[in-house]
């Protein structure tokens, strides 16, 4: 995203032709991220909505709102951490379920 907008942000009048190219690049990045998200998990749905907001509103306004940007990045980090845990310990949910059954009985 940074490379796509660099020239436009430096001199928007001179690089106005790059604006369409930057928008196309951002849409491609957004779609690639969407392909990796789970459509049924709440955190994944929230992240898609937050990322979509960057496309629906003027991009420069969204990038200036550091709180929104930080919130989106924080959510993405939480999701990435959870997915890493699932990859690293694929048996963990089953172990915890079995442990809960044994302790509960």
PDB file of N, CA and C in Angstrom:
ATOM      1  N   UNK A   1       0.831  -1.178   0.000  1.00  0.00           N
ATOM      2  CA  UNK A   1       0.000   0.000   0.000  1.00  0.00           C
ATOM      3  C   UNK A   1       0.879   1.247   0.000  1.00  0.00           C
ATOM      4  N   UNK A   2       1.961   1.200   0.765  1.00  0.00           N
ATOM      5  CA  UNK A   2       2.848   2.351   0.824  1.00  0.00           C
ATOM      6  C   UNK A   2       3.464   2.681  -0.517  1.00  0.00           C
ATOM      7  N   UNK A   3       3.918   1.670  -1.231  1.00  0.00           N
ATOM      8  CA  UNK A   3       4.511   1.901  -2.554  1.00  0.00           C
ATOM      9  C   UNK A   3       3.470   2.408  -3.539  1.00  0.00           C
ATOM     10  N   UNK A   4       2.261   1.915  -3.416  1.00  0.00           N
ATOM     11  CA  UNK A   4       1.214   2.321  -4.351  1.00  0.00           C
ATOM     12  C   UNK A   4       0.852   3.791  -4.188  1.00  0.00           C
ATOM     13  N   UNK A   5       0.987   4.322  -2.976  1.00  0.00           N
ATOM     14  CA  UNK A   5       0.575   5.707  -2.721  1.00  0.00           C
ATOM     15  C   UNK A   5       1.725   6.706  -2.646  1.00  0.00           C
ATOM     16  N   UNK A   6       2.937   6.219  -2.617  1.00  0.00           N
ATOM     17  CA  UNK A   6       4.088   7.098  -2.393  1.00  0.00           C
ATOM     18  C   UNK A   6       4.118   8.290  -3.352  1.00  0.00           C
ATOM     19  N   UNK A   7       4.081   8.028  -4.637  1.00  0.00           N
ATOM     20  CA  UNK A   7       4.165   9.110  -5.616  1.00  0.00           C
ATOM     21  C   UNK A   7       2.970  10.045  -5.520  1.00  0.00           C
ATOM     22  N   UNK A   8       1.795   9.480  -5.296  1.00  0.00           N
ATOM     23  CA  UNK A   8       0.597  10.305  -5.222  1.00  0.00           C
ATOM     24  C   UNK A   8       0.662  11.257  -4.021  1.00  0.00           C
ATOM     25  N   UNK A   9       1.149  10.781  -2.905  1.00  0.00           N
ATOM     26  CA  UNK A   9       1.204  11.617  -1.710  1.00  0.00           C
ATOM     27  C   UNK A   9       2.252  12.721  -1.835  1.00  0.00           C
ATOM     28  N   UNK A  10       3.327  12.467  -2.552  1.00  0.00           N
ATOM     29  CA  UNK A  10       4.385  13.457  -2.709  1.00  0.00           C
ATOM     30  C   UNK A  10       3.883  14.660  -3.508  1.00  0.00           C
ATOM     31  N   UNK A  11       3.226  14.407  -4.626  1.00  0.00           N
ATOM     32  CA  UNK A  11       2.753  15.491  -5.493  1.00  0.00           C
ATOM     33  C   UNK A  11       1.498  15.002  -6.207  1.00  0.00           C
ATOM     34  N   UNK A  12       0.341  15.222  -5.583  1.00  0.00           N
ATOM     35  CA  UNK A  12      -0.896  14.643  -6.095  1.00  0.00           C
ATOM     36  C   UNK A  12      -1.260  15.155  -7.489  1.00  0.00           C
ATOM     37  N   UNK A  13      -0.953  16.400  -7.809  1.00  0.00           N
ATOM     38  CA  UNK A  13      -1.297  16.911  -9.143  1.00  0.00           C
ATOM     39  C   UNK A  13      -0.413  16.283 -10.213  1.00  0.00           C
ATOM     40  N   UNK A  14       0.859  16.180  -9.941  1.00  0.00           N
ATOM     41  CA  UNK A  14       1.789  15.623 -10.919  1.00  0.00           C
ATOM     42  C   UNK A  14       1.531  14.128 -11.137  1.00  0.00           C
ATOM     43  N   UNK A  15       1.165  13.425 -10.083  1.00  0.00           N
ATOM     44  CA  UNK A  15       1.003  11.982 -10.162  1.00  0.00           C
ATOM     45  C   UNK A  15      -0.465  11.553 -10.095  1.00  0.00           C
ATOM     46  N   UNK A  16      -1.362  12.386 -10.599  1.00  0.00           N
ATOM     47  CA  UNK A  16      -2.781  12.061 -10.542  1.00  0.00           C
ATOM     48  C   UNK A  16      -3.099  10.781 -11.321  1.00  0.00           C
ATOM     49  N   UNK A  17      -2.331  10.512 -12.377  1.00  0.00           N
ATOM     50  CA  UNK A  17      -2.544   9.273 -13.136  1.00  0.00           C
ATOM     51  C   UNK A  17      -2.247   8.041 -12.286  1.00  0.00           C
ATOM     52  N   UNK A  18      -1.374   8.188 -11.310  1.00  0.00           N
ATOM     53  CA  UNK A  18      -1.012   7.067 -10.430  1.00  0.00           C
ATOM     54  C   UNK A  18      -2.133   6.741  -9.441  1.00  0.00           C
ATOM     55  N   UNK A  19      -3.077   7.665  -9.290  1.00  0.00           N
ATOM     56  CA  UNK A  19      -4.153   7.462  -8.327  1.00  0.00           C
ATOM     57  C   UNK A  19      -4.974   6.224  -8.671  1.00  0.00           C
ATOM     58  N   UNK A  20      -5.331   6.057  -9.929  1.00  0.00           N
ATOM     59  CA  UNK A  20      -6.101   4.882 -10.351  1.00  0.00           C
ATOM     60  C   UNK A  20      -5.282   3.610 -10.143  1.00  0.00           C
ATOM     61  N   UNK A  21      -4.018   3.671 -10.484  1.00  0.00           N
ATOM     62  CA  UNK A  21      -3.146   2.509 -10.302  1.00  0.00           C
ATOM     63  C   UNK A  21      -3.039   2.138  -8.817  1.00  0.00           C
ATOM     64  N   UNK A  22      -2.928   3.155  -7.958  1.00  0.00           N
ATOM     65  CA  UNK A  22      -2.854   2.902  -6.517  1.00  0.00           C
ATOM     66  C   UNK A  22      -4.152   2.269  -6.020  1.00  0.00           C
ATOM     67  N   UNK A  23      -5.281   2.765  -6.498  1.00  0.00           N
ATOM     68  CA  UNK A  23      -6.579   2.209  -6.090  1.00  0.00           C
ATOM     69  C   UNK A  23      -6.700   0.748  -6.526  1.00  0.00           C
ATOM     70  N   UNK A  24      -6.274   0.444  -7.730  1.00  0.00           N
ATOM     71  CA  UNK A  24      -6.332  -0.933  -8.228  1.00  0.00           C
ATOM     72  C   UNK A  24      -5.437  -1.854  -7.387  1.00  0.00           C
ATOM     73  N   UNK A  25      -4.278  -1.359  -7.029  1.00  0.00           N
ATOM     74  CA  UNK A  25      -3.367  -2.145  -6.197  1.00  0.00           C
ATOM     75  C   UNK A  25      -3.986  -2.417  -4.833  1.00  0.00           C
ATOM     76  N   UNK A  26      -4.605  -1.402  -4.247  1.00  0.00           N
ATOM     77  CA  UNK A  26      -5.248  -1.582  -2.948  1.00  0.00           C
ATOM     78  C   UNK A  26      -6.409  -2.582  -3.023  1.00  0.00           C
ATOM     79  N   UNK A  27      -7.187  -2.517  -4.090  1.00  0.00           N
ATOM     80  CA  UNK A  27      -8.284  -3.474  -4.246  1.00  0.00           C
ATOM     81  C   UNK A  27      -7.757  -4.898  -4.377  1.00  0.00           C
ATOM     82  N   UNK A  28      -6.662  -5.069  -5.086  1.00  0.00           N
ATOM     83  CA  UNK A  28      -6.064  -6.394  -5.224  1.00  0.00           C
ATOM     84  C   UNK A  28      -5.564  -6.911  -3.877  1.00  0.00           C
ATOM     85  N   UNK A  29      -4.898  -6.058  -3.120  1.00  0.00           N
ATOM     86  CA  UNK A  29      -4.417  -6.452  -1.793  1.00  0.00           C
ATOM     87  C   UNK A  29      -5.586  -6.821  -0.895  1.00  0.00           C
ATOM     88  N   UNK A  30      -6.638  -6.020  -0.930  1.00  0.00           N
ATOM     89  CA  UNK A  30      -7.830  -6.301  -0.114  1.00  0.00           C
ATOM     90  C   UNK A  30      -8.425  -7.661  -0.474  1.00  0.00           C
ATOM     91  N   UNK A  31      -8.543  -7.951  -1.741  1.00  0.00           N
ATOM     92  CA  UNK A  31      -9.125  -9.234  -2.157  1.00  0.00           C
ATOM     93  C   UNK A  31      -8.227 -10.405  -1.762  1.00  0.00           C
ATOM     94  N   UNK A  32      -6.937 -10.231  -1.819  1.00  0.00           N
ATOM     95  CA  UNK A  32      -6.019 -11.296  -1.409  1.00  0.00           C
ATOM     96  C   UNK A  32      -6.154 -11.578   0.082  1.00  0.00           C
ATOM     97  N   UNK A  33      -6.331 -10.536   0.878  1.00  0.00           N
ATOM     98  CA  UNK A  33      -6.527 -10.720   2.315  1.00  0.00           C
ATOM     99  C   UNK A  33      -7.861 -11.418   2.564  1.00  0.00           C
ATOM    100  N   UNK A  34      -8.908 -10.978   1.860  1.00  0.00           N
ATOM    101  CA  UNK A  34     -10.236 -11.582   2.039  1.00  0.00           C
ATOM    102  C   UNK A  34     -10.223 -13.079   1.760  1.00  0.00           C
ATOM    103  N   UNK A  35      -9.448 -13.497   0.767  1.00  0.00           N
ATOM    104  CA  UNK A  35      -9.373 -14.919   0.440  1.00  0.00           C
ATOM    105  C   UNK A  35      -8.832 -15.746   1.603  1.00  0.00           C
ATOM    106  N   UNK A  36      -8.068 -15.139   2.463  1.00  0.00           N
ATOM    107  CA  UNK A  36      -7.454 -15.852   3.574  1.00  0.00           C
ATOM    108  C   UNK A  36      -8.290 -15.796   4.858  1.00  0.00           C
ATOM    109  N   UNK A  37      -9.326 -14.998   4.861  1.00  0.00           N
ATOM    110  CA  UNK A  37     -10.155 -14.859   6.066  1.00  0.00           C
ATOM    111  C   UNK A  37     -11.265 -15.905   6.092  1.00  0.00           C
ATOM    112  N   UNK A  38     -11.648 -16.269   7.316  1.00  0.00           N
ATOM    113  CA  UNK A  38     -12.734 -17.217   7.523  1.00  0.00           C
ATOM    114  C   UNK A  38     -14.050 -16.425   7.577  1.00  0.00           C
ATOM    115  N   UNK A  39     -15.000 -16.818   6.773  1.00  0.00           N
ATOM    116  CA  UNK A  39     -16.266 -16.066   6.682  1.00  0.00           C
ATOM    117  C   UNK A  39     -17.176 -16.268   7.881  1.00  0.00           C
ATOM    118  N   UNK A  40     -16.866 -17.213   8.769  1.00  0.00           N
ATOM    119  CA  UNK A  40     -17.756 -17.498   9.886  1.00  0.00           C
ATOM    120  C   UNK A  40     -17.210 -17.054  11.242  1.00  0.00           C
ATOM    121  N   UNK A  41     -15.937 -16.726  11.337  1.00  0.00           N
ATOM    122  CA  UNK A  41     -15.356 -16.318  12.618  1.00  0.00           C
ATOM    123  C   UNK A  41     -15.519 -14.819  12.813  1.00  0.00           C
ATOM    124  N   UNK A  42     -15.973 -14.442  14.000  1.00  0.00           N
ATOM    125  CA  UNK A  42     -16.289 -13.044  14.290  1.00  0.00           C
ATOM    126  C   UNK A  42     -15.104 -12.100  14.072  1.00  0.00           C
ATOM    127  N   UNK A  43     -13.929 -12.480  14.559  1.00  0.00           N
ATOM    128  CA  UNK A  43     -12.769 -11.592  14.400  1.00  0.00           C
ATOM    129  C   UNK A  43     -12.408 -11.394  12.933  1.00  0.00           C
ATOM    130  N   UNK A  44     -12.540 -12.433  12.147  1.00  0.00           N
ATOM    131  CA  UNK A  44     -12.237 -12.332  10.715  1.00  0.00           C
ATOM    132  C   UNK A  44     -13.249 -11.417  10.018  1.00  0.00           C
ATOM    133  N   UNK A  45     -14.497 -11.527  10.415  1.00  0.00           N
ATOM    134  CA  UNK A  45     -15.551 -10.670   9.851  1.00  0.00           C
ATOM    135  C   UNK A  45     -15.289  -9.208  10.220  1.00  0.00           C
ATOM    136  N   UNK A  46     -14.908  -8.975  11.474  1.00  0.00           N
ATOM    137  CA  UNK A  46     -14.599  -7.607  11.911  1.00  0.00           C
ATOM    138  C   UNK A  46     -13.432  -7.020  11.122  1.00  0.00           C
ATOM    139  N   UNK A  47     -12.395  -7.838  10.904  1.00  0.00           N
ATOM    140  CA  UNK A  47     -11.240  -7.349  10.156  1.00  0.00           C
ATOM    141  C   UNK A  47     -11.628  -6.997   8.723  1.00  0.00           C
ATOM    142  N   UNK A  48     -12.438  -7.832   8.097  1.00  0.00           N
ATOM    143  CA  UNK A  48     -12.870  -7.526   6.733  1.00  0.00           C
ATOM    144  C   UNK A  48     -13.643  -6.207   6.695  1.00  0.00           C
ATOM    145  N   UNK A  49     -14.496  -5.975   7.680  1.00  0.00           N
ATOM    146  CA  UNK A  49     -15.264  -4.733   7.724  1.00  0.00           C
ATOM    147  C   UNK A  49     -14.352  -3.518   7.905  1.00  0.00           C
ATOM    148  N   UNK A  50     -13.357  -3.662   8.780  1.00  0.00           N
ATOM    149  CA  UNK A  50     -12.431  -2.546   9.008  1.00  0.00           C
ATOM    150  C   UNK A  50     -11.595  -2.257   7.754  1.00  0.00           C
ATOM    151  N   UNK A  51     -11.161  -3.306   7.075  1.00  0.00           N
ATOM    152  CA  UNK A  51     -10.391  -3.110   5.845  1.00  0.00           C
ATOM    153  C   UNK A  51     -11.260  -2.514   4.743  1.00  0.00           C
ATOM    154  N   UNK A  52     -12.511  -2.938   4.683  1.00  0.00           N
ATOM    155  CA  UNK A  52     -13.424  -2.402   3.673  1.00  0.00           C
ATOM    156  C   UNK A  52     -13.647  -0.899   3.893  1.00  0.00           C
ATOM    157  N   UNK A  53     -13.638  -0.467   5.149  1.00  0.00           N
ATOM    158  CA  UNK A  53     -13.815   0.957   5.451  1.00  0.00           C
ATOM    159  C   UNK A  53     -12.702   1.797   4.830  1.00  0.00           C
ATOM    160  N   UNK A  54     -11.496   1.216   4.718  1.00  0.00           N
ATOM    161  CA  UNK A  54     -10.407   1.945   4.069  1.00  0.00           C
ATOM    162  C   UNK A  54     -10.680   2.152   2.593  1.00  0.00           C
ATOM    163  N   UNK A  55     -11.461   1.276   1.990  1.00  0.00           N
ATOM    164  CA  UNK A  55     -11.783   1.407   0.569  1.00  0.00           C
ATOM    165  C   UNK A  55     -13.025   2.262   0.344  1.00  0.00           C
ATOM    166  N   UNK A  56     -13.964   2.216   1.293  1.00  0.00           N
ATOM    167  CA  UNK A  56     -15.221   2.934   1.119  1.00  0.00           C
ATOM    168  C   UNK A  56     -15.092   4.432   1.340  1.00  0.00           C
ATOM    169  N   UNK A  57     -14.207   4.832   2.239  1.00  0.00           N
ATOM    170  CA  UNK A  57     -14.009   6.254   2.518  1.00  0.00           C
ATOM    171  C   UNK A  57     -12.766   6.719   1.775  1.00  0.00           C
ATOM    172  N   UNK A  58     -12.626   8.023   1.583  1.00  0.00           N
ATOM    173  CA  UNK A  58     -11.395   8.503   0.949  1.00  0.00           C
ATOM    174  C   UNK A  58     -10.172   7.994   1.713  1.00  0.00           C
ATOM    175  N   UNK A  59      -9.250   7.394   0.997  1.00  0.00           N
ATOM    176  CA  UNK A  59      -8.122   6.704   1.610  1.00  0.00           C
ATOM    177  C   UNK A  59      -7.267   7.624   2.457  1.00  0.00           C
ATOM    178  N   UNK A  60      -7.023   8.826   1.988  1.00  0.00           N
ATOM    179  CA  UNK A  60      -6.162   9.723   2.745  1.00  0.00           C
ATOM    180  C   UNK A  60      -6.775  10.086   4.085  1.00  0.00           C
ATOM    181  N   UNK A  61      -8.114  10.200   4.141  1.00  0.00           N
ATOM    182  CA  UNK A  61      -8.781  10.470   5.416  1.00  0.00           C
ATOM    183  C   UNK A  61      -8.557   9.315   6.378  1.00  0.00           C
ATOM    184  N   UNK A  62      -8.690   8.093   5.883  1.00  0.00           N
ATOM    185  CA  UNK A  62      -8.525   6.915   6.725  1.00  0.00           C
ATOM    186  C   UNK A  62      -7.088   6.789   7.218  1.00  0.00           C
ATOM    187  N   UNK A  63      -6.124   7.078   6.366  1.00  0.00           N
ATOM    188  CA  UNK A  63      -4.726   6.953   6.771  1.00  0.00           C
ATOM    189  C   UNK A  63      -4.334   8.021   7.782  1.00  0.00           C
ATOM    190  N   UNK A  64      -5.014   9.152   7.787  1.00  0.00           N
ATOM    191  CA  UNK A  64      -4.723  10.206   8.757  1.00  0.00           C
ATOM    192  C   UNK A  64      -5.290   9.875  10.129  1.00  0.00           C
ATOM    193  N   UNK A  65      -6.307   9.004  10.188  1.00  0.00           N
ATOM    194  CA  UNK A  65      -6.914   8.621  11.459  1.00  0.00           C
ATOM    195  C   UNK A  65      -6.084   7.491  12.063  1.00  0.00           C
ATOM    196  N   UNK A  66      -5.077   7.858  12.842  1.00  0.00           N
ATOM    197  CA  UNK A  66      -4.135   6.890  13.398  1.00  0.00           C
ATOM    198  C   UNK A  66      -4.817   5.906  14.341  1.00  0.00           C
ATOM    199  N   UNK A  67      -5.856   6.341  15.058  1.00  0.00           N
ATOM    200  CA  UNK A  67      -6.546   5.444  15.980  1.00  0.00           C
ATOM    201  C   UNK A  67      -7.227   4.305  15.232  1.00  0.00           C
ATOM    202  N   UNK A  68      -7.879   4.619  14.120  1.00  0.00           N
ATOM    203  CA  UNK A  68      -8.528   3.588  13.310  1.00  0.00           C
ATOM    204  C   UNK A  68      -7.498   2.645  12.710  1.00  0.00           C
ATOM    205  N   UNK A  69      -6.420   3.193  12.244  1.00  0.00           N
ATOM    206  CA  UNK A  69      -5.348   2.390  11.666  1.00  0.00           C
ATOM    207  C   UNK A  69      -4.752   1.454  12.719  1.00  0.00           C
ATOM    208  N   UNK A  70      -4.468   1.986  13.909  1.00  0.00           N
ATOM    209  CA  UNK A  70      -3.926   1.160  14.988  1.00  0.00           C
ATOM    210  C   UNK A  70      -4.903   0.072  15.414  1.00  0.00           C
ATOM    211  N   UNK A  71      -6.186   0.397  15.467  1.00  0.00           N
ATOM    212  CA  UNK A  71      -7.211  -0.574  15.838  1.00  0.00           C
ATOM    213  C   UNK A  71      -7.274  -1.726  14.828  1.00  0.00           C
ATOM    214  N   UNK A  72      -7.191  -1.393  13.552  1.00  0.00           N
ATOM    215  CA  UNK A  72      -7.218  -2.409  12.498  1.00  0.00           C
ATOM    216  C   UNK A  72      -5.978  -3.296  12.563  1.00  0.00           C
ATOM    217  N   UNK A  73      -4.826  -2.681  12.755  1.00  0.00           N
ATOM    218  CA  UNK A  73      -3.585  -3.447  12.857  1.00  0.00           C
ATOM    219  C   UNK A  73      -3.606  -4.348  14.082  1.00  0.00           C
ATOM    220  N   UNK A  74      -4.108  -3.855  15.194  1.00  0.00           N
ATOM    221  CA  UNK A  74      -4.189  -4.656  16.414  1.00  0.00           C
ATOM    222  C   UNK A  74      -5.082  -5.885  16.197  1.00  0.00           C
ATOM    223  N   UNK A  75      -6.211  -5.695  15.558  1.00  0.00           N
ATOM    224  CA  UNK A  75      -7.111  -6.821  15.271  1.00  0.00           C
ATOM    225  C   UNK A  75      -6.422  -7.833  14.356  1.00  0.00           C
ATOM    226  N   UNK A  76      -5.717  -7.357  13.349  1.00  0.00           N
ATOM    227  CA  UNK A  76      -4.999  -8.263  12.448  1.00  0.00           C
ATOM    228  C   UNK A  76      -3.932  -9.046  13.205  1.00  0.00           C
ATOM    229  N   UNK A  77      -3.263  -8.415  14.132  1.00  0.00           N
ATOM    230  CA  UNK A  77      -2.251  -9.112  14.941  1.00  0.00           C
ATOM    231  C   UNK A  77      -2.876 -10.206  15.812  1.00  0.00           C
ATOM    232  N   UNK A  78      -4.023  -9.921  16.384  1.00  0.00           N
ATOM    233  CA  UNK A  78      -4.716 -10.924  17.206  1.00  0.00           C
ATOM    234  C   UNK A  78      -5.069 -12.140  16.351  1.00  0.00           C
ATOM    235  N   UNK A  79      -5.610 -11.873  15.174  1.00  0.00           N
ATOM    236  CA  UNK A  79      -5.990 -12.974  14.277  1.00  0.00           C
ATOM    237  C   UNK A  79      -4.762 -13.768  13.858  1.00  0.00           C
ATOM    238  N   UNK A  80      -3.691 -13.078  13.469  1.00  0.00           N
ATOM    239  CA  UNK A  80      -2.473 -13.770  13.053  1.00  0.00           C
ATOM    240  C   UNK A  80      -1.899 -14.615  14.182  1.00  0.00           C
ATOM    241  N   UNK A  81      -1.923 -14.115  15.408  1.00  0.00           N
ATOM    242  CA  UNK A  81      -1.420 -14.865  16.559  1.00  0.00           C
ATOM    243  C   UNK A  81      -2.257 -16.126  16.774  1.00  0.00           C
ATOM    244  N   UNK A  82      -3.567 -15.995  16.698  1.00  0.00           N
ATOM    245  CA  UNK A  82      -4.440 -17.163  16.884  1.00  0.00           C
ATOM    246  C   UNK A  82      -4.226 -18.190  15.781  1.00  0.00           C
ATOM    247  N   UNK A  83      -4.100 -17.728  14.562  1.00  0.00           N
ATOM    248  CA  UNK A  83      -3.884 -18.653  13.446  1.00  0.00           C
ATOM    249  C   UNK A  83      -2.525 -19.338  13.562  1.00  0.00           C
ATOM    250  N   UNK A  84      -1.530 -18.622  14.060  1.00  0.00           N
ATOM    251  CA  UNK A  84      -0.229 -19.232  14.272  1.00  0.00           C
ATOM    252  C   UNK A  84      -0.324 -20.319  15.338  1.00  0.00           C
ATOM    253  N   UNK A  85      -1.077 -20.056  16.398  1.00  0.00           N
ATOM    254  CA  UNK A  85      -1.261 -21.058  17.445  1.00  0.00           C
ATOM    255  C   UNK A  85      -1.948 -22.307  16.892  1.00  0.00           C
ATOM    256  N   UNK A  86      -2.928 -22.119  16.031  1.00  0.00           N
ATOM    257  CA  UNK A  86      -3.620 -23.260  15.417  1.00  0.00           C
ATOM    258  C   UNK A  86      -2.659 -24.053  14.545  1.00  0.00           C
ATOM    259  N   UNK A  87      -1.802 -23.352  13.815  1.00  0.00           N
ATOM    260  CA  UNK A  87      -0.832 -24.026  12.954  1.00  0.00           C
ATOM    261  C   UNK A  87       0.226 -24.753  13.780  1.00  0.00           C
ATOM    262  N   UNK A  88       0.676 -24.102  14.829  1.00  0.00           N
ATOM    263  CA  UNK A  88       1.741 -24.656  15.653  1.00  0.00           C
ATOM    264  C   UNK A  88       1.249 -25.818  16.514  1.00  0.00           C
ATOM    265  N   UNK A  89       0.036 -25.710  17.047  1.00  0.00           N
ATOM    266  CA  UNK A  89      -0.524 -26.731  17.926  1.00  0.00           C
ATOM    267  C   UNK A  89      -1.906 -27.155  17.427  1.00  0.00           C
ATOM    268  N   UNK A  90      -1.977 -27.878  16.327  1.00  0.00           N
ATOM    269  CA  UNK A  90      -3.282 -28.233  15.763  1.00  0.00           C
ATOM    270  C   UNK A  90      -4.113 -29.139  16.673  1.00  0.00           C
ATOM    271  N   UNK A  91      -3.488 -29.831  17.586  1.00  0.00           N
ATOM    272  CA  UNK A  91      -4.173 -30.747  18.487  1.00  0.00           C
ATOM    273  C   UNK A  91      -4.705 -30.055  19.735  1.00  0.00           C
ATOM    274  N   UNK A  92      -4.324 -28.818  20.000  1.00  0.00           N
ATOM    275  CA  UNK A  92      -4.651 -28.117  21.244  1.00  0.00           C
ATOM    276  C   UNK A  92      -6.154 -28.037  21.534  1.00  0.00           C
ATOM    277  N   UNK A  93      -7.017 -27.667  20.556  1.00  0.00           N
ATOM    278  CA  UNK A  93      -8.454 -27.610  20.873  1.00  0.00           C
ATOM    279  C   UNK A  93      -9.015 -28.964  21.309  1.00  0.00           C
ATOM    280  N   UNK A  94      -8.550 -30.028  20.703  1.00  0.00           N
ATOM    281  CA  UNK A  94      -9.032 -31.364  21.074  1.00  0.00           C
ATOM    282  C   UNK A  94      -8.544 -31.760  22.457  1.00  0.00           C
ATOM    283  N   UNK A  95      -7.295 -31.408  22.752  1.00  0.00           N
ATOM    284  CA  UNK A  95      -6.723 -31.694  24.067  1.00  0.00           C
ATOM    285  C   UNK A  95      -7.494 -30.949  25.154  1.00  0.00           C
ATOM    286  N   UNK A  96      -7.779 -29.663  24.914  1.00  0.00           N
ATOM    287  CA  UNK A  96      -8.506 -28.868  25.904  1.00  0.00           C
ATOM    288  C   UNK A  96      -9.926 -29.380  26.098  1.00  0.00           C
ATOM    289  N   UNK A  97     -10.560 -29.812  25.009  1.00  0.00           N
ATOM    290  CA  UNK A  97     -11.919 -30.368  25.110  1.00  0.00           C
ATOM    291  C   UNK A  97     -11.894 -31.663  25.925  1.00  0.00           C
ATOM    292  N   UNK A  98     -10.944 -32.542  25.625  1.00  0.00           N
ATOM    293  CA  UNK A  98     -10.833 -33.802  26.365  1.00  0.00           C
ATOM    294  C   UNK A  98     -10.499 -33.537  27.825  1.00  0.00           C
ATOM    295  N   UNK A  99      -9.651 -32.602  28.062  1.00  0.00           N
ATOM    296  CA  UNK A  99      -9.276 -32.244  29.440  1.00  0.00           C
ATOM    297  C   UNK A  99     -10.488 -31.731  30.222  1.00  0.00           C
ATOM    298  N   UNK A 100     -11.306 -30.909  29.535  1.00  0.00           N
ATOM    299  CA  UNK A 100     -12.513 -30.384  30.181  1.00  0.00           C
ATOM    300  C   UNK A 100     -13.510 -31.485  30.517  1.00  0.00           C
ATOM    301  N   UNK A 101     -13.618 -32.466  29.633  1.00  0.00           N
ATOM    302  CA  UNK A 101     -14.517 -33.592  29.892  1.00  0.00           C
ATOM    303  C   UNK A 101     -14.026 -34.412  31.071  1.00  0.00           C
ATOM    304  N   UNK A 102     -12.716 -34.665  31.135  1.00  0.00           N
ATOM    305  CA  UNK A 102     -12.142 -35.453  32.222  1.00  0.00           C
ATOM    306  C   UNK A 102     -12.256 -34.743  33.571  1.00  0.00           C
ATOM    307  N   UNK A 103     -11.999 -33.450  33.561  1.00  0.00           N
ATOM    308  CA  UNK A 103     -12.074 -32.678  34.811  1.00  0.00           C
ATOM    309  C   UNK A 103     -13.515 -32.521  35.258  1.00  0.00           C
ATOM    310  N   UNK A 104     -14.411 -32.337  34.291  1.00  0.00           N
ATOM    311  CA  UNK A 104     -15.823 -32.145  34.611  1.00  0.00           C
ATOM    312  C   UNK A 104     -16.506 -33.405  35.135  1.00  0.00           C
ATOM    313  N   UNK A 105     -15.966 -34.574  34.833  1.00  0.00           N
ATOM    314  CA  UNK A 105     -16.626 -35.806  35.277  1.00  0.00           C
ATOM    315  C   UNK A 105     -16.165 -36.302  36.601  1.00  0.00           C
TER     316      UNK A 105
END
